[in-house]
Amino acid sequence: MSTDPTEVVRSYLSSFASGDADLVAAHVAGGFINEHTSALGSSCEGRDEYRSRLPGFMASLPGLRYEVEETVSDGDRVVAAYVLSAEVNERPIRIRGVMRCWVRDGLIERRVDYWDSKSFLDQVGG
């Protein structure tokens, strides 16, 4: 796996398409901080806790894909604008968002995720 922060973040986001929780979790550090700013998001700390949540998260979004629109980096910090696509309640969804990530030694130490809960609810009929 690359240690270039931008490549680490791109690989991390691409790994969700595999549906493999171990592959996704392999991109984060042991003390990983996963912060969600969305009202519907759920934050956590620690790779083990994050890994334990991934199967449920991925099952709730069949066909989950992150399409990276743009990345901006400054040293070990990477901001990635993305489009999340999946299927929820047999409806295709597309949500635009942004993640701020801090990378050290080839692993993501922290991510802060910003996406619009209302847009999600409108698309899934909530």
N, C-alpha and C. Protein backbone atom coordinates (compact mmCIF):
# COMPACT_ATOMS: atom_id res chain seq x y z
N MET A 1 0.85 -1.18 0.00
CA MET A 1 0.00 0.00 0.00
C MET A 1 0.90 1.24 0.00
N SER A 2 0.49 2.25 -0.73
CA SER A 2 1.24 3.50 -0.85
C SER A 2 1.27 4.25 0.49
N THR A 3 2.30 5.06 0.66
CA THR A 3 2.34 5.95 1.82
C THR A 3 2.05 7.39 1.43
N ASP A 4 1.88 7.66 0.11
CA ASP A 4 1.49 9.00 -0.35
C ASP A 4 0.08 9.30 0.19
N PRO A 5 -0.09 10.36 0.98
CA PRO A 5 -1.39 10.61 1.61
C PRO A 5 -2.57 10.65 0.63
N THR A 6 -2.39 11.27 -0.52
CA THR A 6 -3.50 11.33 -1.48
C THR A 6 -3.84 9.95 -2.00
N GLU A 7 -2.84 9.15 -2.30
CA GLU A 7 -3.08 7.79 -2.79
C GLU A 7 -3.71 6.92 -1.70
N VAL A 8 -3.32 7.11 -0.46
CA VAL A 8 -3.92 6.36 0.65
C VAL A 8 -5.42 6.66 0.73
N VAL A 9 -5.78 7.93 0.64
CA VAL A 9 -7.20 8.32 0.73
C VAL A 9 -7.97 7.80 -0.48
N ARG A 10 -7.41 7.91 -1.66
CA ARG A 10 -8.08 7.38 -2.85
C ARG A 10 -8.28 5.87 -2.75
N SER A 11 -7.26 5.16 -2.27
CA SER A 11 -7.36 3.71 -2.10
C SER A 11 -8.41 3.36 -1.07
N TYR A 12 -8.43 4.10 0.01
CA TYR A 12 -9.44 3.90 1.08
C TYR A 12 -10.85 4.03 0.50
N LEU A 13 -11.10 5.11 -0.21
CA LEU A 13 -12.44 5.32 -0.76
C LEU A 13 -12.78 4.27 -1.80
N SER A 14 -11.82 3.86 -2.59
CA SER A 14 -12.06 2.80 -3.59
C SER A 14 -12.35 1.46 -2.93
N SER A 15 -11.76 1.23 -1.76
CA SER A 15 -11.90 -0.07 -1.11
C SER A 15 -13.33 -0.39 -0.70
N PHE A 16 -14.17 0.61 -0.51
CA PHE A 16 -15.56 0.36 -0.12
C PHE A 16 -16.30 -0.44 -1.19
N ALA A 17 -15.95 -0.24 -2.45
CA ALA A 17 -16.62 -0.96 -3.54
C ALA A 17 -16.39 -2.46 -3.45
N SER A 18 -15.36 -2.89 -2.76
CA SER A 18 -15.07 -4.32 -2.62
C SER A 18 -16.06 -5.02 -1.70
N GLY A 19 -16.68 -4.26 -0.81
CA GLY A 19 -17.57 -4.86 0.18
C GLY A 19 -16.81 -5.61 1.27
N ASP A 20 -15.50 -5.49 1.30
CA ASP A 20 -14.63 -6.21 2.24
C ASP A 20 -14.26 -5.31 3.41
N ALA A 21 -14.87 -5.53 4.56
CA ALA A 21 -14.63 -4.69 5.74
C ALA A 21 -13.17 -4.72 6.17
N ASP A 22 -12.52 -5.87 6.04
CA ASP A 22 -11.10 -5.96 6.41
C ASP A 22 -10.24 -5.09 5.51
N LEU A 23 -10.53 -5.08 4.23
CA LEU A 23 -9.77 -4.25 3.29
C LEU A 23 -9.96 -2.76 3.62
N VAL A 24 -11.19 -2.35 3.90
CA VAL A 24 -11.45 -0.96 4.26
C VAL A 24 -10.69 -0.61 5.54
N ALA A 25 -10.83 -1.44 6.56
CA ALA A 25 -10.20 -1.17 7.86
C ALA A 25 -8.68 -1.20 7.79
N ALA A 26 -8.12 -1.88 6.82
CA ALA A 26 -6.66 -1.94 6.67
C ALA A 26 -6.07 -0.58 6.32
N HIS A 27 -6.89 0.38 5.94
CA HIS A 27 -6.43 1.72 5.59
C HIS A 27 -6.35 2.66 6.78
N VAL A 28 -6.82 2.23 7.95
CA VAL A 28 -6.88 3.16 9.08
C VAL A 28 -5.96 2.71 10.21
N ALA A 29 -5.50 3.69 10.99
CA ALA A 29 -4.60 3.45 12.11
C ALA A 29 -5.36 2.87 13.31
N GLY A 30 -4.62 2.29 14.24
CA GLY A 30 -5.23 1.69 15.43
C GLY A 30 -6.06 2.67 16.24
N GLY A 31 -5.62 3.90 16.34
CA GLY A 31 -6.34 4.92 17.10
C GLY A 31 -7.25 5.78 16.23
N PHE A 32 -7.67 5.25 15.09
CA PHE A 32 -8.49 5.97 14.11
C PHE A 32 -9.66 6.69 14.76
N ILE A 33 -9.85 7.94 14.36
CA ILE A 33 -11.01 8.73 14.78
C ILE A 33 -11.87 8.94 13.55
N ASN A 34 -13.10 8.49 13.62
CA ASN A 34 -14.06 8.57 12.53
C ASN A 34 -15.17 9.51 12.96
N GLU A 35 -15.12 10.75 12.48
CA GLU A 35 -16.09 11.77 12.89
C GLU A 35 -17.04 12.09 11.76
N HIS A 36 -18.33 12.04 12.06
CA HIS A 36 -19.37 12.41 11.10
C HIS A 36 -20.04 13.69 11.57
N THR A 37 -20.19 14.64 10.66
CA THR A 37 -20.85 15.89 11.00
C THR A 37 -22.34 15.85 10.68
N SER A 38 -22.76 14.91 9.86
CA SER A 38 -24.16 14.77 9.48
C SER A 38 -25.00 14.28 10.65
N ALA A 39 -26.22 14.77 10.73
CA ALA A 39 -27.12 14.33 11.80
C ALA A 39 -27.38 12.83 11.76
N LEU A 40 -27.29 12.22 10.58
CA LEU A 40 -27.54 10.78 10.45
C LEU A 40 -26.27 9.94 10.62
N GLY A 41 -25.12 10.59 10.67
CA GLY A 41 -23.85 9.87 10.79
C GLY A 41 -23.60 9.41 12.21
N SER A 42 -22.70 8.47 12.36
CA SER A 42 -22.35 7.93 13.67
C SER A 42 -20.83 7.88 13.79
N SER A 43 -20.29 8.64 14.71
CA SER A 43 -18.84 8.71 14.90
C SER A 43 -18.36 7.58 15.80
N CYS A 44 -17.06 7.29 15.73
CA CYS A 44 -16.47 6.29 16.62
C CYS A 44 -14.97 6.49 16.69
N GLU A 45 -14.34 5.81 17.65
CA GLU A 45 -12.89 5.85 17.80
C GLU A 45 -12.33 4.45 17.88
N GLY A 46 -11.18 4.28 17.25
CA GLY A 46 -10.46 3.00 17.29
C GLY A 46 -10.75 2.16 16.06
N ARG A 47 -9.70 1.54 15.50
CA ARG A 47 -9.86 0.69 14.32
C ARG A 47 -10.78 -0.49 14.60
N ASP A 48 -10.67 -1.10 15.78
CA ASP A 48 -11.50 -2.26 16.07
C ASP A 48 -12.99 -1.90 16.10
N GLU A 49 -13.31 -0.78 16.72
CA GLU A 49 -14.71 -0.33 16.75
C GLU A 49 -15.19 0.00 15.34
N TYR A 50 -14.36 0.71 14.60
CA TYR A 50 -14.70 1.07 13.22
C TYR A 50 -14.93 -0.20 12.39
N ARG A 51 -14.01 -1.16 12.50
CA ARG A 51 -14.13 -2.42 11.76
C ARG A 51 -15.41 -3.16 12.11
N SER A 52 -15.79 -3.12 13.38
CA SER A 52 -16.99 -3.84 13.80
C SER A 52 -18.27 -3.22 13.22
N ARG A 53 -18.22 -1.95 12.89
CA ARG A 53 -19.39 -1.25 12.33
C ARG A 53 -19.49 -1.36 10.81
N LEU A 54 -18.38 -1.64 10.15
CA LEU A 54 -18.36 -1.63 8.69
C LEU A 54 -19.35 -2.59 8.03
N PRO A 55 -19.48 -3.84 8.48
CA PRO A 55 -20.43 -4.73 7.79
C PRO A 55 -21.85 -4.18 7.77
N GLY A 56 -22.31 -3.65 8.88
CA GLY A 56 -23.66 -3.08 8.93
C GLY A 56 -23.81 -1.87 8.04
N PHE A 57 -22.78 -1.01 8.05
CA PHE A 57 -22.80 0.18 7.20
C PHE A 57 -22.87 -0.22 5.74
N MET A 58 -22.00 -1.13 5.34
CA MET A 58 -21.97 -1.53 3.93
C MET A 58 -23.24 -2.29 3.53
N ALA A 59 -23.80 -3.07 4.43
CA ALA A 59 -25.05 -3.78 4.13
C ALA A 59 -26.22 -2.81 3.96
N SER A 60 -26.16 -1.68 4.66
CA SER A 60 -27.24 -0.70 4.56
C SER A 60 -27.18 0.10 3.26
N LEU A 61 -26.06 -0.02 2.53
CA LEU A 61 -25.86 0.72 1.29
C LEU A 61 -25.36 -0.23 0.19
N PRO A 62 -26.20 -1.16 -0.27
CA PRO A 62 -25.75 -2.10 -1.31
C PRO A 62 -25.19 -1.36 -2.53
N GLY A 63 -24.10 -1.90 -3.05
CA GLY A 63 -23.48 -1.29 -4.22
C GLY A 63 -22.71 -0.02 -3.91
N LEU A 64 -22.34 0.17 -2.67
CA LEU A 64 -21.66 1.40 -2.23
C LEU A 64 -20.41 1.67 -3.07
N ARG A 65 -20.32 2.88 -3.57
CA ARG A 65 -19.16 3.35 -4.33
C ARG A 65 -18.92 4.81 -3.97
N TYR A 66 -17.65 5.16 -3.85
CA TYR A 66 -17.26 6.56 -3.71
C TYR A 66 -16.54 6.96 -4.99
N GLU A 67 -17.05 7.95 -5.69
CA GLU A 67 -16.39 8.50 -6.87
C GLU A 67 -15.69 9.78 -6.42
N VAL A 68 -14.38 9.80 -6.48
CA VAL A 68 -13.63 10.98 -6.06
C VAL A 68 -13.71 12.02 -7.17
N GLU A 69 -14.24 13.19 -6.82
CA GLU A 69 -14.32 14.29 -7.78
C GLU A 69 -13.04 15.12 -7.79
N GLU A 70 -12.45 15.30 -6.60
CA GLU A 70 -11.27 16.14 -6.50
C GLU A 70 -10.59 15.87 -5.16
N THR A 71 -9.28 15.97 -5.16
CA THR A 71 -8.54 15.93 -3.90
C THR A 71 -7.66 17.16 -3.81
N VAL A 72 -7.47 17.62 -2.58
CA VAL A 72 -6.56 18.72 -2.28
C VAL A 72 -5.73 18.24 -1.11
N SER A 73 -4.42 18.40 -1.20
CA SER A 73 -3.58 17.91 -0.11
C SER A 73 -2.61 18.99 0.35
N ASP A 74 -2.25 18.86 1.61
CA ASP A 74 -1.26 19.73 2.24
C ASP A 74 -0.50 18.86 3.23
N GLY A 75 0.64 18.33 2.79
CA GLY A 75 1.40 17.44 3.66
C GLY A 75 0.63 16.17 3.93
N ASP A 76 0.36 15.90 5.21
CA ASP A 76 -0.34 14.67 5.59
C ASP A 76 -1.86 14.84 5.64
N ARG A 77 -2.35 16.00 5.23
CA ARG A 77 -3.79 16.25 5.23
C ARG A 77 -4.32 16.20 3.80
N VAL A 78 -5.44 15.50 3.63
CA VAL A 78 -6.05 15.36 2.31
C VAL A 78 -7.54 15.64 2.45
N VAL A 79 -8.05 16.45 1.55
CA VAL A 79 -9.49 16.69 1.46
C VAL A 79 -9.96 16.06 0.16
N ALA A 80 -10.98 15.23 0.25
CA ALA A 80 -11.51 14.56 -0.93
C ALA A 80 -12.99 14.88 -1.09
N ALA A 81 -13.33 15.52 -2.20
CA ALA A 81 -14.73 15.72 -2.56
C ALA A 81 -15.17 14.46 -3.30
N TYR A 82 -16.35 13.95 -2.96
CA TYR A 82 -16.78 12.68 -3.52
C TYR A 82 -18.27 12.68 -3.84
N VAL A 83 -18.67 11.68 -4.62
CA VAL A 83 -20.07 11.34 -4.80
C VAL A 83 -20.23 9.91 -4.34
N LEU A 84 -21.06 9.71 -3.33
CA LEU A 84 -21.38 8.37 -2.83
C LEU A 84 -22.58 7.89 -3.62
N SER A 85 -22.49 6.69 -4.16
CA SER A 85 -23.64 6.09 -4.82
C SER A 85 -23.87 4.71 -4.22
N ALA A 86 -25.13 4.34 -4.17
CA ALA A 86 -25.54 3.04 -3.61
C ALA A 86 -27.02 2.84 -3.94
N GLU A 87 -27.58 1.82 -3.34
CA GLU A 87 -29.01 1.57 -3.47
C GLU A 87 -29.58 1.41 -2.07
N VAL A 88 -30.64 2.13 -1.78
CA VAL A 88 -31.30 2.05 -0.47
C VAL A 88 -32.80 1.92 -0.72
N ASN A 89 -33.43 0.95 -0.07
CA ASN A 89 -34.86 0.71 -0.27
C ASN A 89 -35.19 0.54 -1.75
N GLU A 90 -34.30 -0.16 -2.46
CA GLU A 90 -34.44 -0.42 -3.89
C GLU A 90 -34.46 0.85 -4.73
N ARG A 91 -33.87 1.92 -4.19
CA ARG A 91 -33.77 3.19 -4.92
C ARG A 91 -32.29 3.56 -5.05
N PRO A 92 -31.88 3.98 -6.24
CA PRO A 92 -30.50 4.46 -6.37
C PRO A 92 -30.36 5.81 -5.68
N ILE A 93 -29.24 5.99 -5.01
CA ILE A 93 -28.97 7.27 -4.37
C ILE A 93 -27.61 7.79 -4.82
N ARG A 94 -27.48 9.11 -4.81
CA ARG A 94 -26.21 9.78 -5.08
C ARG A 94 -26.13 10.95 -4.10
N ILE A 95 -25.10 10.94 -3.29
CA ILE A 95 -24.91 11.97 -2.28
C ILE A 95 -23.51 12.58 -2.46
N ARG A 96 -23.45 13.88 -2.58
CA ARG A 96 -22.15 14.55 -2.64
C ARG A 96 -21.69 14.85 -1.23
N GLY A 97 -20.38 14.73 -1.03
CA GLY A 97 -19.81 15.00 0.28
C GLY A 97 -18.33 15.34 0.18
N VAL A 98 -17.77 15.60 1.34
CA VAL A 98 -16.35 15.92 1.45
C VAL A 98 -15.82 15.24 2.70
N MET A 99 -14.63 14.65 2.59
CA MET A 99 -13.92 14.08 3.73
C MET A 99 -12.60 14.81 3.91
N ARG A 100 -12.32 15.14 5.15
CA ARG A 100 -10.99 15.64 5.52
C ARG A 100 -10.28 14.48 6.21
N CYS A 101 -9.09 14.14 5.73
CA CYS A 101 -8.36 13.00 6.29
C CYS A 101 -6.95 13.41 6.68
N TRP A 102 -6.46 12.84 7.77
CA TRP A 102 -5.09 13.01 8.23
C TRP A 102 -4.42 11.65 8.10
N VAL A 103 -3.30 11.61 7.38
CA VAL A 103 -2.61 10.36 7.07
C VAL A 103 -1.20 10.40 7.66
N ARG A 104 -0.82 9.29 8.30
CA ARG A 104 0.55 9.17 8.81
C ARG A 104 1.02 7.74 8.57
N ASP A 105 2.23 7.61 8.05
CA ASP A 105 2.83 6.31 7.81
C ASP A 105 1.92 5.39 6.99
N GLY A 106 1.22 5.97 6.02
CA GLY A 106 0.40 5.17 5.12
C GLY A 106 -0.95 4.76 5.65
N LEU A 107 -1.36 5.29 6.83
CA LEU A 107 -2.66 4.95 7.41
C LEU A 107 -3.43 6.23 7.76
N ILE A 108 -4.72 6.16 7.65
CA ILE A 108 -5.57 7.30 7.99
C ILE A 108 -5.77 7.31 9.50
N GLU A 109 -5.36 8.39 10.12
CA GLU A 109 -5.50 8.53 11.58
C GLU A 109 -6.84 9.12 11.97
N ARG A 110 -7.36 9.98 11.11
CA ARG A 110 -8.62 10.65 11.43
C ARG A 110 -9.30 11.04 10.13
N ARG A 111 -10.62 10.94 10.15
CA ARG A 111 -11.40 11.47 9.03
C ARG A 111 -12.59 12.21 9.59
N VAL A 112 -12.92 13.30 8.94
CA VAL A 112 -14.13 14.06 9.26
C VAL A 112 -14.94 14.09 7.97
N ASP A 113 -16.17 13.58 8.04
CA ASP A 113 -17.01 13.40 6.86
C ASP A 113 -18.19 14.37 6.91
N TYR A 114 -18.40 15.06 5.80
CA TYR A 114 -19.49 16.04 5.68
C TYR A 114 -20.39 15.62 4.52
N TRP A 115 -21.67 15.38 4.78
CA TRP A 115 -22.62 15.09 3.73
C TRP A 115 -24.01 15.52 4.19
N ASP A 116 -24.92 15.67 3.26
CA ASP A 116 -26.23 16.25 3.52
C ASP A 116 -27.28 15.18 3.85
N SER A 117 -27.67 15.12 5.11
CA SER A 117 -28.67 14.14 5.55
C SER A 117 -30.02 14.33 4.85
N LYS A 118 -30.40 15.57 4.61
CA LYS A 118 -31.69 15.83 3.98
C LYS A 118 -31.71 15.28 2.56
N SER A 119 -30.63 15.46 1.83
CA SER A 119 -30.54 14.94 0.48
C SER A 119 -30.69 13.41 0.51
N PHE A 120 -30.06 12.76 1.47
CA PHE A 120 -30.18 11.31 1.63
C PHE A 120 -31.63 10.92 1.89
N LEU A 121 -32.27 11.57 2.86
CA LEU A 121 -33.65 11.24 3.21
C LEU A 121 -34.60 11.49 2.04
N ASP A 122 -34.39 12.58 1.30
CA ASP A 122 -35.23 12.86 0.14
C ASP A 122 -35.14 11.74 -0.89
N GLN A 123 -33.93 11.19 -1.08
CA GLN A 123 -33.75 10.15 -2.09
C GLN A 123 -34.26 8.78 -1.66
N VAL A 124 -34.22 8.50 -0.36
CA VAL A 124 -34.68 7.18 0.09
C VAL A 124 -36.14 7.19 0.51
N GLY A 125 -36.78 8.36 0.42
CA GLY A 125 -38.19 8.46 0.75
C GLY A 125 -38.47 8.58 2.23
N GLY A 126 -37.49 9.13 2.97
CA GLY A 126 -37.64 9.24 4.42
C GLY A 126 -38.20 10.54 4.88
